[in-house]
Amino acid sequence: MINDQPLTPKEQKVVEEFEKARPGLGAIAETNIRNNDKTGWADIIADTPEEDLVARQGSASNSFMYRRIGG
């Protein structure tokens, strides 16, 4: 069930940080926050200190090999 209540200041900050990181991700983040019963995002945000709610740039390596679809 989608929650139509206004976002909390911390939730709004998360949406803004995702949008700054890549335009369009803010809308996806907001959908995940509003679908908290399925995603748990609002609960995670509520439990996270506000100073940790920032977008950071980094990289990750993936040690798994995936088959390509169609080939």
C-alpha atoms as a PDB file:
ATOM      1  CA  MET A   1       0.000   0.000   0.000  1.00  0.00           C
ATOM      2  CA  ILE A   2       1.423   3.362  -1.006  1.00  0.00           C
ATOM      3  CA  ASN A   3       1.628   5.950   1.771  1.00  0.00           C
ATOM      4  CA  ASP A   4       0.430   9.384   0.565  1.00  0.00           C
ATOM      5  CA  GLN A   5       1.546  11.294   3.680  1.00  0.00           C
ATOM      6  CA  PRO A   6       4.170  14.029   3.285  1.00  0.00           C
ATOM      7  CA  LEU A   7       7.753  12.816   3.510  1.00  0.00           C
ATOM      8  CA  THR A   8       9.673  13.503   6.696  1.00  0.00           C
ATOM      9  CA  PRO A   9      12.639  15.909   6.418  1.00  0.00           C
ATOM     10  CA  LYS A  10      15.050  12.936   6.504  1.00  0.00           C
ATOM     11  CA  GLU A  11      13.097  11.108   3.796  1.00  0.00           C
ATOM     12  CA  GLN A  12      13.045  14.265   1.653  1.00  0.00           C
ATOM     13  CA  LYS A  13      16.819  14.567   2.086  1.00  0.00           C
ATOM     14  CA  VAL A  14      17.265  10.997   0.816  1.00  0.00           C
ATOM     15  CA  VAL A  15      15.136  11.769  -2.250  1.00  0.00           C
ATOM     16  CA  GLU A  16      17.189  14.929  -2.912  1.00  0.00           C
ATOM     17  CA  GLU A  17      20.512  13.084  -2.518  1.00  0.00           C
ATOM     18  CA  PHE A  18      19.446  10.380  -4.979  1.00  0.00           C
ATOM     19  CA  GLU A  19      18.267  13.044  -7.426  1.00  0.00           C
ATOM     20  CA  LYS A  20      21.598  14.894  -7.143  1.00  0.00           C
ATOM     21  CA  ALA A  21      23.504  11.660  -7.720  1.00  0.00           C
ATOM     22  CA  ARG A  22      21.567  10.894 -10.887  1.00  0.00           C
ATOM     23  CA  PRO A  23      18.490  12.689 -12.203  1.00  0.00           C
ATOM     24  CA  GLY A  24      15.466  10.411 -12.061  1.00  0.00           C
ATOM     25  CA  LEU A  25      16.624   8.351  -9.085  1.00  0.00           C
ATOM     26  CA  GLY A  26      14.833  10.684  -6.678  1.00  0.00           C
ATOM     27  CA  ALA A  27      11.449   9.513  -7.969  1.00  0.00           C
ATOM     28  CA  ILE A  28      12.496   5.880  -7.541  1.00  0.00           C
ATOM     29  CA  ALA A  29      13.694   6.587  -4.006  1.00  0.00           C
ATOM     30  CA  GLU A  30      10.406   8.292  -3.152  1.00  0.00           C
ATOM     31  CA  THR A  31       8.435   5.310  -4.456  1.00  0.00           C
ATOM     32  CA  ASN A  32      10.544   2.964  -2.327  1.00  0.00           C
ATOM     33  CA  ILE A  33      10.015   5.156   0.748  1.00  0.00           C
ATOM     34  CA  ARG A  34       6.250   5.278   0.207  1.00  0.00           C
ATOM     35  CA  ASN A  35       6.147   1.484  -0.257  1.00  0.00           C
ATOM     36  CA  ASN A  36       7.768   0.952   3.141  1.00  0.00           C
ATOM     37  CA  ASP A  37       5.637  -2.094   3.924  1.00  0.00           C
ATOM     38  CA  LYS A  38       7.427  -3.900   1.073  1.00  0.00           C
ATOM     39  CA  THR A  39      10.838  -2.178   0.992  1.00  0.00           C
ATOM     40  CA  GLY A  40      11.534  -1.079   4.569  1.00  0.00           C
ATOM     41  CA  TRP A  41      13.165   2.122   3.276  1.00  0.00           C
ATOM     42  CA  ALA A  42      11.294   4.517   5.603  1.00  0.00           C
ATOM     43  CA  ASP A  43      12.254   2.397   8.617  1.00  0.00           C
ATOM     44  CA  ILE A  44      15.919   2.298   7.545  1.00  0.00           C
ATOM     45  CA  ILE A  45      15.950   6.074   6.987  1.00  0.00           C
ATOM     46  CA  ALA A  46      14.349   6.689  10.393  1.00  0.00           C
ATOM     47  CA  ASP A  47      17.071   4.577  12.050  1.00  0.00           C
ATOM     48  CA  THR A  48      19.951   6.251  10.156  1.00  0.00           C
ATOM     49  CA  PRO A  49      21.642   9.352  11.614  1.00  0.00           C
ATOM     50  CA  GLU A  50      20.954  12.366   9.401  1.00  0.00           C
ATOM     51  CA  GLU A  51      24.659  13.092   8.864  1.00  0.00           C
ATOM     52  CA  ASP A  52      24.974   9.675   7.180  1.00  0.00           C
ATOM     53  CA  LEU A  53      22.249  10.465   4.631  1.00  0.00           C
ATOM     54  CA  VAL A  54      24.535  11.735   1.872  1.00  0.00           C
ATOM     55  CA  ALA A  55      25.358  10.444  -1.581  1.00  0.00           C
ATOM     56  CA  ARG A  56      28.940   9.339  -1.994  1.00  0.00           C
ATOM     57  CA  GLN A  57      30.807   8.402  -5.112  1.00  0.00           C
ATOM     58  CA  GLY A  58      32.648   5.119  -5.152  1.00  0.00           C
ATOM     59  CA  SER A  59      33.161   1.903  -6.999  1.00  0.00           C
ATOM     60  CA  ALA A  60      32.614  -1.751  -6.347  1.00  0.00           C
ATOM     61  CA  SER A  61      34.026  -4.875  -7.870  1.00  0.00           C
ATOM     62  CA  ASN A  62      31.846  -7.808  -8.687  1.00  0.00           C
ATOM     63  CA  SER A  63      33.417 -11.230  -8.467  1.00  0.00           C
ATOM     64  CA  PHE A  64      30.400 -12.988  -9.965  1.00  0.00           C
ATOM     65  CA  MET A  65      30.086 -13.899 -13.619  1.00  0.00           C
ATOM     66  CA  TYR A  66      26.664 -13.647 -15.198  1.00  0.00           C
ATOM     67  CA  ARG A  67      25.473 -15.173 -18.434  1.00  0.00           C
ATOM     68  CA  ARG A  68      24.253 -12.671 -20.943  1.00  0.00           C
ATOM     69  CA  ILE A  69      20.632 -12.879 -21.914  1.00  0.00           C
ATOM     70  CA  GLY A  70      20.322 -13.960 -25.519  1.00  0.00           C
ATOM     71  CA  GLY A  71      23.850 -15.208 -25.900  1.00  0.00           C
END
